[in-house]
């Protein structure tokens, strides 16, 4: 599953309501996040590799 940060358009590994692969908490500013099936675009450790 992937989650998109709407203000930046970056797609992270993870899902809304948790933590992304690179450690970002999607519960903070939860309206800025949306679950997606798009490919991951975040290059930080944990998301991309």
C-alpha atoms as a PDB file:
ATOM      1  CA  UNK A   1       0.000   0.000   0.000  1.00  0.00           C
ATOM      2  CA  UNK A   2       1.135   3.540  -0.688  1.00  0.00           C
ATOM      3  CA  UNK A   3       0.072   6.881   0.725  1.00  0.00           C
ATOM      4  CA  UNK A   4       0.316  10.246  -1.044  1.00  0.00           C
ATOM      5  CA  UNK A   5       1.229  13.519   0.662  1.00  0.00           C
ATOM      6  CA  UNK A   6      -1.160  15.851  -1.143  1.00  0.00           C
ATOM      7  CA  UNK A   7       0.678  19.212  -0.660  1.00  0.00           C
ATOM      8  CA  UNK A   8       3.957  17.859  -2.112  1.00  0.00           C
ATOM      9  CA  UNK A   9       2.665  15.041  -4.324  1.00  0.00           C
ATOM     10  CA  UNK A  10       5.257  12.610  -2.895  1.00  0.00           C
ATOM     11  CA  UNK A  11       4.086   9.006  -2.573  1.00  0.00           C
ATOM     12  CA  UNK A  12       5.383   7.046   0.441  1.00  0.00           C
ATOM     13  CA  UNK A  13       5.305   3.394   1.494  1.00  0.00           C
ATOM     14  CA  UNK A  14       2.604   2.897   4.137  1.00  0.00           C
ATOM     15  CA  UNK A  15      -1.010   3.863   4.614  1.00  0.00           C
ATOM     16  CA  UNK A  16      -3.105   6.684   6.010  1.00  0.00           C
ATOM     17  CA  UNK A  17      -3.512   6.455   9.783  1.00  0.00           C
ATOM     18  CA  UNK A  18      -0.036   5.112  10.516  1.00  0.00           C
ATOM     19  CA  UNK A  19       3.605   5.755   9.788  1.00  0.00           C
ATOM     20  CA  UNK A  20       5.281   5.798   6.376  1.00  0.00           C
ATOM     21  CA  UNK A  21       8.312   3.667   5.562  1.00  0.00           C
ATOM     22  CA  UNK A  22      10.601   6.667   6.143  1.00  0.00           C
ATOM     23  CA  UNK A  23       9.009   7.429   9.527  1.00  0.00           C
ATOM     24  CA  UNK A  24       6.511  10.215   8.793  1.00  0.00           C
ATOM     25  CA  UNK A  25       3.376  10.108  10.974  1.00  0.00           C
ATOM     26  CA  UNK A  26       0.275  10.308   8.739  1.00  0.00           C
ATOM     27  CA  UNK A  27      -1.974  11.016  11.742  1.00  0.00           C
ATOM     28  CA  UNK A  28      -0.551  14.539  11.971  1.00  0.00           C
ATOM     29  CA  UNK A  29      -2.284  16.750   9.382  1.00  0.00           C
ATOM     30  CA  UNK A  30      -4.314  13.693   8.346  1.00  0.00           C
ATOM     31  CA  UNK A  31      -6.205  15.682   5.689  1.00  0.00           C
ATOM     32  CA  UNK A  32      -2.871  16.063   3.820  1.00  0.00           C
ATOM     33  CA  UNK A  33      -2.670  12.283   3.190  1.00  0.00           C
ATOM     34  CA  UNK A  34      -4.532   9.950   0.838  1.00  0.00           C
ATOM     35  CA  UNK A  35      -4.170   6.192   0.205  1.00  0.00           C
ATOM     36  CA  UNK A  36      -3.182   5.441  -3.386  1.00  0.00           C
ATOM     37  CA  UNK A  37      -2.162   2.560  -5.618  1.00  0.00           C
ATOM     38  CA  UNK A  38       0.441   4.666  -7.461  1.00  0.00           C
ATOM     39  CA  UNK A  39       4.129   3.785  -7.399  1.00  0.00           C
ATOM     40  CA  UNK A  40       6.287   5.130  -4.555  1.00  0.00           C
ATOM     41  CA  UNK A  41       8.245   8.319  -5.342  1.00  0.00           C
ATOM     42  CA  UNK A  42       9.883   8.986  -1.941  1.00  0.00           C
ATOM     43  CA  UNK A  43      13.639   8.357  -2.119  1.00  0.00           C
ATOM     44  CA  UNK A  44      14.252   8.212   1.654  1.00  0.00           C
ATOM     45  CA  UNK A  45      15.394   4.992   3.379  1.00  0.00           C
ATOM     46  CA  UNK A  46      12.426   2.804   4.270  1.00  0.00           C
ATOM     47  CA  UNK A  47      10.190   3.960   1.454  1.00  0.00           C
ATOM     48  CA  UNK A  48      12.244   3.350  -1.670  1.00  0.00           C
ATOM     49  CA  UNK A  49      14.425   0.465  -0.515  1.00  0.00           C
END
